[in-house]
């Protein structure tokens, strides 16, 4: 059995989440909490396998509760949010930065048109996250964003793989990520200069409605411009383009964004493999493809095609990945020429890109 703790300030929502989770024979809700303080106390007392955490709660919010739990009793945490307000979305991403694994949309009631899908996603996510081995997050002074709060963050181990040296003109960087991706993308973008001479295209698997919030949050932790990609727009150096939910993002030879509703071979929309294949066709050896942490196999075959086209291909190393599924599959296929930590990935980008 997978033992679950549910933290939400609404009694109605708590009861509903307990009902949905308990319907699955593999899940057992062992406790509930009305606020972050109770969540921390219950986590220490009950030692659950997974915690389902709301963002906005009285006395202590979901971000602070996550920070304390990851320091005191590391536990897989799934952020569960119903609100797409800017403050709540930002707090959700702050919680991901200090150790929460992923975010899912809070299921609506039985009459909601998306009830079945959101309920299924919640249950499936809780079961999958129970398999993730989390580590203690020690507080540190360095902060990815503004403000002076202490943040906990996983120390990045050094990879033994040599960092590629500049040997060609790079014109574009493509990044794919899933579970654990937002915090790693933030870490990489934070270390890039504002005069980066190339555009960056990003596919991040995330719950519907959170992509715009991700763009806003990333924009606060990097000197680069971060925006949602628009169909037909010309890409600009020093700008990060996020693929909208439900669309495949590609790139044309002349550097214009393509957004389509095509189905990808792996079923994801957006798909990292779709992006990498498009980049391979349009840019070939003048592009860099980077596949980060995530569950499943999306991105691996696309990265392989980019490598075959002569592009520089990188997979995140196992030690720093929340889930090694996607980068691990790329390595198994021989799609990744280099296996690097996020810190090394940022350094590689700086070394290979010619500033304009």
Protein backbone atom coordinates (compact mmCIF):
# COMPACT_ATOMS: atom_id res chain seq x y z
CA UNK A 1 0.00 0.00 0.00
CA UNK A 2 1.04 3.58 -0.70
CA UNK A 3 0.43 5.74 2.38
CA UNK A 4 -0.79 9.27 1.55
CA UNK A 5 -1.12 12.48 3.58
CA UNK A 6 -3.56 15.13 2.27
CA UNK A 7 -3.04 18.81 3.22
CA UNK A 8 -5.75 21.35 2.27
CA UNK A 9 -7.46 24.11 4.23
CA UNK A 10 -10.92 23.30 2.84
CA UNK A 11 -12.72 20.52 4.71
CA UNK A 12 -14.84 19.81 1.63
CA UNK A 13 -11.80 19.52 -0.61
CA UNK A 14 -9.98 17.35 1.91
CA UNK A 15 -12.87 14.94 2.10
CA UNK A 16 -13.18 14.83 -1.67
CA UNK A 17 -9.47 14.18 -2.20
CA UNK A 18 -9.53 11.47 0.46
CA UNK A 19 -12.49 9.87 -1.34
CA UNK A 20 -10.81 9.97 -4.77
CA UNK A 21 -7.52 8.59 -3.51
CA UNK A 22 -9.12 5.91 -1.35
CA UNK A 23 -11.03 4.57 -4.35
CA UNK A 24 -7.76 3.15 -5.65
CA UNK A 25 -6.90 -0.15 -3.93
CA UNK A 26 -3.19 0.69 -3.88
CA UNK A 27 -3.60 3.99 -2.00
CA UNK A 28 -4.32 4.49 1.70
CA UNK A 29 -4.90 7.98 3.12
CA UNK A 30 -3.28 7.80 6.54
CA UNK A 31 -3.85 11.40 7.60
CA UNK A 32 -5.06 14.89 6.70
CA UNK A 33 -3.89 18.41 7.58
CA UNK A 34 -5.76 21.73 7.61
CA UNK A 35 -2.69 23.91 7.13
CA UNK A 36 1.05 23.82 6.61
CA UNK A 37 1.87 23.52 10.30
CA UNK A 38 -0.25 20.41 10.61
CA UNK A 39 1.23 19.06 7.38
CA UNK A 40 4.76 19.30 8.77
CA UNK A 41 3.74 17.72 12.07
CA UNK A 42 1.81 14.91 10.37
CA UNK A 43 4.66 14.24 7.96
CA UNK A 44 7.05 13.78 10.89
CA UNK A 45 4.61 11.63 12.86
CA UNK A 46 3.09 9.46 10.10
CA UNK A 47 6.04 9.18 7.67
CA UNK A 48 3.74 8.95 4.62
CA UNK A 49 4.97 7.72 1.23
CA UNK A 50 3.48 10.74 -0.60
CA UNK A 51 1.99 14.10 0.43
CA UNK A 52 -0.70 15.88 -1.60
CA UNK A 53 -0.20 19.57 -0.78
CA UNK A 54 -2.30 22.68 -1.37
CA UNK A 55 -0.42 25.95 -2.01
CA UNK A 56 -2.50 28.54 -0.11
CA UNK A 57 -3.23 27.55 3.47
CA UNK A 58 -3.52 29.51 6.75
CA UNK A 59 -0.78 29.71 9.41
CA UNK A 60 1.77 28.16 7.02
CA UNK A 61 1.45 27.97 3.23
CA UNK A 62 2.34 25.05 0.98
CA UNK A 63 5.72 26.51 0.00
CA UNK A 64 6.95 26.87 3.59
CA UNK A 65 5.51 23.49 4.58
CA UNK A 66 7.30 21.86 1.64
CA UNK A 67 10.58 23.59 2.56
CA UNK A 68 10.41 22.37 6.16
CA UNK A 69 9.34 18.83 5.25
CA UNK A 70 12.17 18.47 2.73
CA UNK A 71 14.65 19.57 5.38
CA UNK A 72 13.25 17.52 8.25
CA UNK A 73 11.60 14.40 6.79
CA UNK A 74 12.12 14.23 3.00
CA UNK A 75 8.94 12.96 1.34
CA UNK A 76 7.63 12.98 -2.24
CA UNK A 77 5.26 15.97 -2.47
CA UNK A 78 2.62 16.55 -5.16
CA UNK A 79 1.33 20.12 -5.32
CA UNK A 80 -2.40 20.13 -6.01
CA UNK A 81 -3.83 23.49 -7.10
CA UNK A 82 -7.25 24.65 -8.26
CA UNK A 83 -6.39 28.32 -8.68
CA UNK A 84 -4.43 29.79 -11.57
CA UNK A 85 -4.01 33.14 -9.83
CA UNK A 86 -0.55 34.60 -10.27
CA UNK A 87 0.27 34.40 -6.55
CA UNK A 88 -0.79 30.76 -6.17
CA UNK A 89 0.98 29.65 -9.34
CA UNK A 90 4.16 31.44 -8.23
CA UNK A 91 3.96 29.80 -4.80
CA UNK A 92 3.49 26.42 -6.47
CA UNK A 93 6.68 26.86 -8.49
CA UNK A 94 8.53 28.06 -5.40
CA UNK A 95 7.47 24.80 -3.73
CA UNK A 96 8.82 22.85 -6.70
CA UNK A 97 12.10 24.70 -6.33
CA UNK A 98 12.54 23.59 -2.73
CA UNK A 99 11.68 19.96 -3.31
CA UNK A 100 8.08 19.28 -4.38
CA UNK A 101 8.14 16.89 -7.33
CA UNK A 102 5.30 18.02 -9.56
CA UNK A 103 2.01 19.91 -9.79
CA UNK A 104 -1.40 18.59 -10.77
CA UNK A 105 -4.73 20.30 -11.27
CA UNK A 106 -7.08 19.87 -8.33
CA UNK A 107 -10.02 17.74 -9.54
CA UNK A 108 -13.37 19.46 -9.83
CA UNK A 109 -16.60 17.93 -8.59
CA UNK A 110 -18.41 15.06 -10.34
CA UNK A 111 -20.33 17.56 -12.49
CA UNK A 112 -17.17 19.19 -13.83
CA UNK A 113 -16.53 18.28 -17.50
CA UNK A 114 -12.90 17.37 -16.79
CA UNK A 115 -13.64 15.51 -13.55
CA UNK A 116 -12.73 12.01 -14.75
CA UNK A 117 -9.47 13.08 -16.39
CA UNK A 118 -8.24 15.28 -13.51
CA UNK A 119 -9.15 12.61 -10.94
CA UNK A 120 -7.32 9.94 -12.96
CA UNK A 121 -4.28 12.20 -13.31
CA UNK A 122 -4.15 12.88 -9.57
CA UNK A 123 -4.33 9.20 -8.64
CA UNK A 124 -1.80 8.16 -11.28
CA UNK A 125 0.61 10.94 -10.29
CA UNK A 126 0.47 10.04 -6.58
CA UNK A 127 1.23 6.41 -7.41
CA UNK A 128 4.13 7.31 -9.69
CA UNK A 129 5.66 9.84 -7.30
CA UNK A 130 5.68 7.27 -4.51
CA UNK A 131 8.45 5.51 -6.44
CA UNK A 132 10.73 8.58 -6.46
CA UNK A 133 13.61 8.59 -3.99
CA UNK A 134 13.86 12.11 -2.60
CA UNK A 135 16.76 13.55 -0.62
CA UNK A 136 17.08 16.04 2.18
CA UNK A 137 17.16 19.66 0.99
CA UNK A 138 19.56 21.70 3.09
CA UNK A 139 18.96 25.46 3.25
CA UNK A 140 21.46 27.69 1.49
CA UNK A 141 22.02 31.39 0.98
CA UNK A 142 22.10 31.40 -2.80
CA UNK A 143 18.66 32.09 -4.24
CA UNK A 144 17.36 31.47 -7.73
CA UNK A 145 15.09 34.50 -7.61
CA UNK A 146 14.50 37.73 -5.77
CA UNK A 147 13.95 38.04 -2.04
CA UNK A 148 15.99 37.01 0.96
CA UNK A 149 14.30 33.80 2.10
CA UNK A 150 16.45 30.75 2.67
CA UNK A 151 15.87 28.10 0.03
CA UNK A 152 16.59 24.40 0.12
CA UNK A 153 18.09 22.90 -2.98
CA UNK A 154 19.74 19.68 -4.01
CA UNK A 155 23.50 20.02 -4.35
CA UNK A 156 24.49 19.24 -7.94
CA UNK A 157 27.17 16.58 -8.26
CA UNK A 158 29.90 16.97 -10.84
CA UNK A 159 29.71 14.76 -13.91
CA UNK A 160 32.87 13.04 -15.14
CA UNK A 161 31.80 13.52 -18.77
CA UNK A 162 33.97 16.11 -20.53
CA UNK A 163 32.21 19.36 -21.36
CA UNK A 164 32.14 19.97 -25.13
CA UNK A 165 34.33 22.79 -26.37
CA UNK A 166 33.16 25.37 -28.92
CA UNK A 167 33.80 24.02 -32.42
CA UNK A 168 30.95 25.38 -34.50
CA UNK A 169 28.51 28.24 -34.72
CA UNK A 170 25.44 27.47 -32.64
CA UNK A 171 22.22 29.17 -33.74
CA UNK A 172 19.56 27.61 -31.48
CA UNK A 173 19.12 25.68 -28.22
CA UNK A 174 16.23 23.28 -27.58
CA UNK A 175 15.32 21.88 -24.15
CA UNK A 176 12.87 19.14 -23.18
CA UNK A 177 11.82 18.29 -19.61
CA UNK A 178 9.08 16.71 -17.52
CA UNK A 179 8.90 15.87 -13.79
CA UNK A 180 11.48 17.92 -11.91
CA UNK A 181 12.08 20.10 -14.97
CA UNK A 182 10.98 23.59 -13.85
CA UNK A 183 13.60 23.89 -11.12
CA UNK A 184 16.37 22.56 -13.37
CA UNK A 185 15.39 24.85 -16.24
CA UNK A 186 15.43 27.74 -13.78
CA UNK A 187 18.90 26.76 -12.59
CA UNK A 188 20.25 26.60 -16.15
CA UNK A 189 18.62 29.84 -17.33
CA UNK A 190 19.77 31.69 -14.22
CA UNK A 191 23.39 31.07 -15.18
CA UNK A 192 23.08 32.32 -18.77
CA UNK A 193 24.07 35.90 -19.72
CA UNK A 194 21.53 38.47 -20.87
CA UNK A 195 23.44 38.85 -24.16
CA UNK A 196 23.01 35.18 -25.08
CA UNK A 197 23.30 35.19 -28.84
CA UNK A 198 20.71 32.51 -29.64
CA UNK A 199 17.03 31.74 -28.91
CA UNK A 200 16.06 28.93 -26.52
CA UNK A 201 13.01 26.72 -27.20
CA UNK A 202 11.55 24.77 -24.26
CA UNK A 203 9.04 21.93 -24.00
CA UNK A 204 8.03 21.29 -20.38
CA UNK A 205 5.35 18.73 -19.54
CA UNK A 206 3.13 20.38 -16.93
CA UNK A 207 -0.50 20.43 -15.80
CA UNK A 208 -2.83 22.41 -18.11
CA UNK A 209 -3.02 26.09 -17.22
CA UNK A 210 0.40 26.30 -15.55
CA UNK A 211 2.56 27.06 -18.59
CA UNK A 212 1.90 30.80 -18.51
CA UNK A 213 2.69 30.84 -14.79
CA UNK A 214 5.89 28.92 -15.51
CA UNK A 215 6.91 31.57 -18.04
CA UNK A 216 6.27 34.34 -15.49
CA UNK A 217 8.20 32.49 -12.79
CA UNK A 218 11.18 31.72 -15.01
CA UNK A 219 11.22 35.35 -16.11
CA UNK A 220 11.93 36.31 -12.50
CA UNK A 221 14.96 34.03 -12.13
CA UNK A 222 16.82 34.78 -15.37
CA UNK A 223 18.15 37.82 -17.18
CA UNK A 224 16.77 36.45 -20.45
CA UNK A 225 13.32 37.30 -21.81
CA UNK A 226 10.86 34.42 -21.23
CA UNK A 227 7.56 34.21 -23.13
CA UNK A 228 4.94 31.85 -24.47
CA UNK A 229 5.65 30.87 -28.06
CA UNK A 230 3.33 32.27 -30.73
CA UNK A 231 2.70 30.73 -34.13
CA UNK A 232 4.70 32.33 -36.90
CA UNK A 233 6.79 34.64 -34.73
CA UNK A 234 10.44 35.12 -35.57
CA UNK A 235 12.74 33.90 -32.80
CA UNK A 236 15.16 36.40 -31.27
CA UNK A 237 18.51 35.92 -29.53
CA UNK A 238 18.34 36.02 -25.74
CA UNK A 239 14.68 34.97 -25.65
CA UNK A 240 13.24 31.77 -24.17
CA UNK A 241 10.10 30.39 -25.86
CA UNK A 242 7.84 27.96 -23.97
CA UNK A 243 5.57 25.60 -25.92
CA UNK A 244 1.88 26.21 -25.08
CA UNK A 245 -0.04 23.31 -23.59
CA UNK A 246 -1.84 21.23 -26.22
CA UNK A 247 0.36 22.37 -29.12
CA UNK A 248 3.40 20.88 -30.79
CA UNK A 249 6.19 23.42 -31.14
CA UNK A 250 8.58 23.27 -34.07
CA UNK A 251 10.93 25.65 -35.84
CA UNK A 252 11.36 26.54 -39.51
CA UNK A 253 14.72 27.07 -41.21
CA UNK A 254 14.22 30.84 -41.23
CA UNK A 255 13.78 30.79 -37.46
CA UNK A 256 10.00 31.12 -37.18
CA UNK A 257 7.97 29.23 -34.58
CA UNK A 258 5.56 26.57 -35.79
CA UNK A 259 2.64 25.54 -33.57
CA UNK A 260 0.42 22.66 -34.64
CA UNK A 261 -2.12 20.25 -33.18
CA UNK A 262 -0.33 17.22 -34.63
CA UNK A 263 -0.16 14.04 -32.61
CA UNK A 264 3.32 12.99 -31.49
CA UNK A 265 4.54 9.40 -31.59
CA UNK A 266 4.72 9.38 -27.77
CA UNK A 267 1.31 10.99 -27.27
CA UNK A 268 2.57 14.15 -25.57
CA UNK A 269 1.44 17.59 -26.65
CA UNK A 270 3.77 19.40 -26.53
CA UNK A 271 6.38 16.75 -27.18
CA UNK A 272 10.14 17.10 -26.69
CA UNK A 273 10.76 14.57 -29.46
CA UNK A 274 8.66 16.63 -31.88
CA UNK A 275 10.69 19.73 -31.02
CA UNK A 276 14.06 17.98 -31.36
CA UNK A 277 13.11 16.41 -34.70
CA UNK A 278 12.00 19.79 -36.04
CA UNK A 279 15.26 21.37 -34.84
CA UNK A 280 17.23 18.54 -36.49
CA UNK A 281 15.55 19.20 -39.83
CA UNK A 282 15.87 22.99 -39.69
CA UNK A 283 19.21 23.53 -37.94
CA UNK A 284 21.12 20.24 -37.82
CA UNK A 285 24.69 20.70 -36.58
CA UNK A 286 24.12 24.33 -35.62
CA UNK A 287 21.74 23.38 -32.78
CA UNK A 288 22.06 22.07 -29.23
CA UNK A 289 19.45 19.65 -27.84
CA UNK A 290 19.16 19.12 -24.07
CA UNK A 291 16.97 16.47 -22.42
CA UNK A 292 16.35 16.95 -18.72
CA UNK A 293 14.75 15.02 -15.86
CA UNK A 294 11.39 13.39 -16.46
CA UNK A 295 9.33 10.22 -16.37
CA UNK A 296 8.87 8.16 -19.49
CA UNK A 297 10.68 8.30 -22.83
CA UNK A 298 9.59 11.52 -24.53
CA UNK A 299 12.48 13.33 -26.18
CA UNK A 300 14.83 10.36 -26.55
CA UNK A 301 14.08 9.48 -30.19
CA UNK A 302 13.96 13.15 -31.20
CA UNK A 303 17.32 13.76 -29.55
CA UNK A 304 18.70 10.77 -31.43
CA UNK A 305 17.59 12.31 -34.73
CA UNK A 306 19.24 15.59 -33.77
CA UNK A 307 22.49 13.79 -33.04
CA UNK A 308 22.29 11.99 -36.37
CA UNK A 309 21.84 15.40 -38.02
CA UNK A 310 25.10 16.58 -36.42
CA UNK A 311 23.69 18.59 -33.54
CA UNK A 312 25.19 18.70 -30.06
CA UNK A 313 23.08 16.49 -27.77
CA UNK A 314 23.11 16.51 -23.96
CA UNK A 315 21.26 14.49 -21.31
CA UNK A 316 21.04 15.42 -17.64
CA UNK A 317 23.01 13.08 -15.39
CA UNK A 318 21.31 10.56 -13.11
CA UNK A 319 22.65 12.06 -9.87
CA UNK A 320 20.91 15.40 -10.38
CA UNK A 321 17.71 14.11 -12.03
CA UNK A 322 14.52 13.86 -9.99
CA UNK A 323 13.46 11.08 -12.36
CA UNK A 324 15.99 9.61 -14.79
CA UNK A 325 13.45 8.17 -17.24
CA UNK A 326 13.74 10.55 -20.21
CA UNK A 327 17.49 11.28 -20.06
CA UNK A 328 18.18 7.64 -19.19
CA UNK A 329 16.33 6.47 -22.30
CA UNK A 330 18.27 8.96 -24.43
CA UNK A 331 21.54 7.59 -23.05
CA UNK A 332 20.39 3.99 -23.67
CA UNK A 333 19.63 4.82 -27.31
CA UNK A 334 22.97 6.55 -27.79
CA UNK A 335 21.17 9.83 -28.44
CA UNK A 336 23.16 11.86 -25.91
CA UNK A 337 26.74 12.74 -26.80
CA UNK A 338 27.27 14.27 -23.34
CA UNK A 339 25.86 13.51 -19.88
CA UNK A 340 26.09 16.58 -17.66
CA UNK A 341 24.79 18.19 -14.47
CA UNK A 342 22.63 21.34 -14.75
CA UNK A 343 25.62 23.44 -13.71
CA UNK A 344 27.73 21.91 -16.48
CA UNK A 345 24.90 22.31 -18.99
CA UNK A 346 24.79 26.06 -18.33
CA UNK A 347 28.57 26.25 -18.65
CA UNK A 348 28.44 24.32 -21.92
CA UNK A 349 25.87 26.70 -23.37
CA UNK A 350 28.01 29.69 -22.38
CA UNK A 351 31.11 28.12 -23.94
CA UNK A 352 29.47 27.16 -27.23
CA UNK A 353 27.35 30.21 -27.98
CA UNK A 354 28.86 33.23 -29.69
CA UNK A 355 27.49 36.41 -28.16
CA UNK A 356 26.28 39.05 -30.54
